[in-house]
PDB file of N, CA and C in Angstrom:
ATOM      1  N   VAL A   1      49.293  35.429 280.852  1.00  0.00           N
ATOM      2  CA  VAL A   1      48.089  35.470 281.154  1.00  0.00           C
ATOM      3  C   VAL A   1      47.809  33.892 281.969  1.00  0.00           C
ATOM      4  N   THR A   2      48.566  33.033 281.641  1.00  0.00           N
ATOM      5  CA  THR A   2      47.952  31.893 282.328  1.00  0.00           C
ATOM      6  C   THR A   2      48.455  31.626 283.871  1.00  0.00           C
ATOM      7  N   CYS A   3      49.610  32.695 284.037  1.00  0.00           N
ATOM      8  CA  CYS A   3      50.068  32.605 285.327  1.00  0.00           C
ATOM      9  C   CYS A   3      49.030  33.668 286.322  1.00  0.00           C
ATOM     10  N   ASP A   4      48.563  34.710 285.830  1.00  0.00           N
ATOM     11  CA  ASP A   4      47.915  35.619 286.624  1.00  0.00           C
ATOM     12  C   ASP A   4      46.267  35.230 286.587  1.00  0.00           C
ATOM     13  N   LEU A   5      45.836  34.512 285.463  1.00  0.00           N
ATOM     14  CA  LEU A   5      44.603  34.097 285.595  1.00  0.00           C
ATOM     15  C   LEU A   5      44.217  33.083 286.387  1.00  0.00           C
ATOM     16  N   LEU A   6      45.047  32.093 286.648  1.00  0.00           N
ATOM     17  CA  LEU A   6      44.996  30.877 287.499  1.00  0.00           C
ATOM     18  C   LEU A   6      45.713  30.770 288.547  1.00  0.00           C
ATOM     19  N   SER A   7      45.873  31.878 289.197  1.00  0.00           N
ATOM     20  CA  SER A   7      46.936  31.796 290.387  1.00  0.00           C
ATOM     21  C   SER A   7      45.923  31.248 291.687  1.00  0.00           C
ATOM     22  N   LEU A   8      46.457  29.871 291.614  1.00  0.00           N
ATOM     23  CA  LEU A   8      45.503  29.054 292.694  1.00  0.00           C
ATOM     24  C   LEU A   8      46.323  28.035 293.071  1.00  0.00           C
ATOM     25  N   GLN A   9      46.486  27.937 294.369  1.00  0.00           N
ATOM     26  CA  GLN A   9      47.301  26.785 294.984  1.00  0.00           C
ATOM     27  C   GLN A   9      46.545  25.790 295.777  1.00  0.00           C
ATOM     28  N   ILE A  10      46.585  24.538 295.594  1.00  0.00           N
ATOM     29  CA  ILE A  10      45.935  23.724 296.428  1.00  0.00           C
ATOM     30  C   ILE A  10      46.943  22.716 296.893  1.00  0.00           C
ATOM     31  N   LYS A  11      46.921  22.554 298.266  1.00  0.00           N
ATOM     32  CA  LYS A  11      47.942  21.691 298.969  1.00  0.00           C
ATOM     33  C   LYS A  11      49.350  21.670 298.415  1.00  0.00           C
ATOM     34  N   GLY A  12      49.779  22.892 298.221  1.00  0.00           N
ATOM     35  CA  GLY A  12      51.159  22.966 297.692  1.00  0.00           C
ATOM     36  C   GLY A  12      51.249  22.816 296.264  1.00  0.00           C
ATOM     37  N   ILE A  13      50.182  22.801 295.413  1.00  0.00           N
ATOM     38  CA  ILE A  13      50.339  22.438 294.041  1.00  0.00           C
ATOM     39  C   ILE A  13      49.721  23.705 293.270  1.00  0.00           C
ATOM     40  N   ALA A  14      50.576  24.426 292.619  1.00  0.00           N
ATOM     41  CA  ALA A  14      50.233  25.619 291.743  1.00  0.00           C
ATOM     42  C   ALA A  14      49.432  25.298 290.666  1.00  0.00           C
ATOM     43  N   ILE A  15      48.189  25.521 290.639  1.00  0.00           N
ATOM     44  CA  ILE A  15      47.540  25.317 289.398  1.00  0.00           C
ATOM     45  C   ILE A  15      47.678  26.050 288.076  1.00  0.00           C
ATOM     46  N   ASN A  16      48.347  27.301 288.549  1.00  0.00           N
ATOM     47  CA  ASN A  16      48.896  28.099 287.428  1.00  0.00           C
ATOM     48  C   ASN A  16      50.133  27.412 286.606  1.00  0.00           C
ATOM     49  N   ASP A  17      50.800  26.976 287.456  1.00  0.00           N
ATOM     50  CA  ASP A  17      52.091  26.362 286.735  1.00  0.00           C
ATOM     51  C   ASP A  17      51.629  25.230 285.806  1.00  0.00           C
ATOM     52  N   SER A  18      50.768  24.358 286.104  1.00  0.00           N
ATOM     53  CA  SER A  18      50.125  23.388 285.302  1.00  0.00           C
ATOM     54  C   SER A  18      49.626  23.899 283.790  1.00  0.00           C
ATOM     55  N   ALA A  19      48.799  25.161 284.098  1.00  0.00           N
ATOM     56  CA  ALA A  19      48.365  25.756 282.901  1.00  0.00           C
ATOM     57  C   ALA A  19      49.430  26.279 282.037  1.00  0.00           C
ATOM     58  N   CYS A  20      50.542  26.889 282.716  1.00  0.00           N
ATOM     59  CA  CYS A  20      51.704  27.564 282.012  1.00  0.00           C
ATOM     60  C   CYS A  20      52.373  26.256 281.309  1.00  0.00           C
ATOM     61  N   ALA A  21      52.574  25.154 281.987  1.00  0.00           N
ATOM     62  CA  ALA A  21      53.129  24.105 281.408  1.00  0.00           C
ATOM     63  C   ALA A  21      52.588  23.556 280.040  1.00  0.00           C
ATOM     64  N   ALA A  22      51.123  23.447 280.264  1.00  0.00           N
ATOM     65  CA  ALA A  22      50.211  22.977 279.040  1.00  0.00           C
ATOM     66  C   ALA A  22      50.348  23.930 277.942  1.00  0.00           C
ATOM     67  N   HIS A  23      50.364  25.258 278.385  1.00  0.00           N
ATOM     68  CA  HIS A  23      50.578  26.302 277.247  1.00  0.00           C
ATOM     69  C   HIS A  23      51.701  26.001 276.513  1.00  0.00           C
ATOM     70  N   CYS A  24      52.962  25.841 277.086  1.00  0.00           N
ATOM     71  CA  CYS A  24      54.195  25.907 276.598  1.00  0.00           C
ATOM     72  C   CYS A  24      54.291  24.317 275.788  1.00  0.00           C
ATOM     73  N   LEU A  25      53.558  23.427 276.494  1.00  0.00           N
ATOM     74  CA  LEU A  25      53.717  21.988 275.485  1.00  0.00           C
ATOM     75  C   LEU A  25      53.040  22.492 274.156  1.00  0.00           C
ATOM     76  N   ALA A  26      51.744  23.226 274.274  1.00  0.00           N
ATOM     77  CA  ALA A  26      51.177  23.259 273.112  1.00  0.00           C
ATOM     78  C   ALA A  26      52.028  24.027 272.006  1.00  0.00           C
ATOM     79  N   MET A  27      52.994  24.791 272.388  1.00  0.00           N
ATOM     80  CA  MET A  27      53.981  25.540 271.544  1.00  0.00           C
ATOM     81  C   MET A  27      55.065  24.865 271.344  1.00  0.00           C
ATOM     82  N   ARG A  28      55.102  23.452 271.517  1.00  0.00           N
ATOM     83  CA  ARG A  28      56.025  22.508 271.134  1.00  0.00           C
ATOM     84  C   ARG A  28      57.376  22.731 272.147  1.00  0.00           C
ATOM     85  N   ARG A  29      57.229  23.301 273.262  1.00  0.00           N
ATOM     86  CA  ARG A  29      58.354  23.457 274.018  1.00  0.00           C
ATOM     87  C   ARG A  29      58.387  22.349 275.124  1.00  0.00           C
ATOM     88  N   LYS A  30      59.305  22.299 275.798  1.00  0.00           N
ATOM     89  CA  LYS A  30      59.352  21.182 277.026  1.00  0.00           C
ATOM     90  C   LYS A  30      58.623  21.374 278.387  1.00  0.00           C
ATOM     91  N   GLY A  31      57.812  22.362 278.251  1.00  0.00           N
ATOM     92  CA  GLY A  31      57.003  22.442 279.528  1.00  0.00           C
ATOM     93  C   GLY A  31      57.340  23.926 280.102  1.00  0.00           C
ATOM     94  N   GLY A  32      56.956  24.482 281.066  1.00  0.00           N
ATOM     95  CA  GLY A  32      57.366  25.842 281.574  1.00  0.00           C
ATOM     96  C   GLY A  32      56.458  26.092 283.121  1.00  0.00           C
ATOM     97  N   SER A  33      57.206  27.179 283.444  1.00  0.00           N
ATOM     98  CA  SER A  33      56.432  27.475 285.019  1.00  0.00           C
ATOM     99  C   SER A  33      56.455  28.980 285.052  1.00  0.00           C
ATOM    100  N   CYS A  34      55.700  29.288 286.111  1.00  0.00           N
ATOM    101  CA  CYS A  34      55.409  30.713 286.368  1.00  0.00           C
ATOM    102  C   CYS A  34      56.644  31.330 287.135  1.00  0.00           C
ATOM    103  N   LYS A  35      57.183  32.514 286.633  1.00  0.00           N
ATOM    104  CA  LYS A  35      58.183  33.204 287.433  1.00  0.00           C
ATOM    105  C   LYS A  35      57.750  34.575 287.657  1.00  0.00           C
ATOM    106  N   GLN A  36      57.412  34.939 288.914  1.00  0.00           N
ATOM    107  CA  GLN A  36      56.907  36.280 289.103  1.00  0.00           C
ATOM    108  C   GLN A  36      55.764  36.718 288.265  1.00  0.00           C
ATOM    109  N   GLY A  37      54.905  35.667 288.081  1.00  0.00           N
ATOM    110  CA  GLY A  37      53.577  36.114 287.283  1.00  0.00           C
ATOM    111  C   GLY A  37      53.593  35.974 285.697  1.00  0.00           C
ATOM    112  N   VAL A  38      54.537  35.437 285.382  1.00  0.00           N
ATOM    113  CA  VAL A  38      55.020  35.492 283.813  1.00  0.00           C
ATOM    114  C   VAL A  38      55.233  33.760 283.383  1.00  0.00           C
ATOM    115  N   CYS A  39      54.599  33.379 282.515  1.00  0.00           N
ATOM    116  CA  CYS A  39      54.717  31.999 282.129  1.00  0.00           C
ATOM    117  C   CYS A  39      56.084  31.913 281.272  1.00  0.00           C
ATOM    118  N   VAL A  40      57.108  31.129 281.818  1.00  0.00           N
ATOM    119  CA  VAL A  40      58.322  31.046 281.011  1.00  0.00           C
ATOM    120  C   VAL A  40      58.355  29.714 280.466  1.00  0.00           C
ATOM    121  N   CYS A  41      58.378  29.383 279.431  1.00  0.00           N
ATOM    122  CA  CYS A  41      58.605  27.992 278.630  1.00  0.00           C
ATOM    123  C   CYS A  41      60.266  27.664 278.613  1.00  0.00           C
ATOM    124  N   ARG A  42      60.327  26.325 278.831  1.00  0.00           N
ATOM    125  CA  ARG A  42      61.739  25.832 278.598  1.00  0.00           C
ATOM    126  C   ARG A  42      61.898  25.521 277.184  1.00  0.00           C
ATOM    127  N   ASN A  43      63.034  25.465 276.879  1.00  0.00           N
ATOM    128  CA  ASN A  43      63.487  25.276 275.403  1.00  0.00           C
ATOM    129  C   ASN A  43      63.470  23.676 275.266  1.00  0.00           C
TER     130      ASN A  43
END
């Protein structure tokens, strides 16, 4: 949801990746990024 909902890019910075990373951090993961519209958290 975070990747599709916030698919915005400003000066090369993807806002959706920041939202995805925050989502993953909230789940006690080490961050994450969007891959083909899906938020993928790092372990």
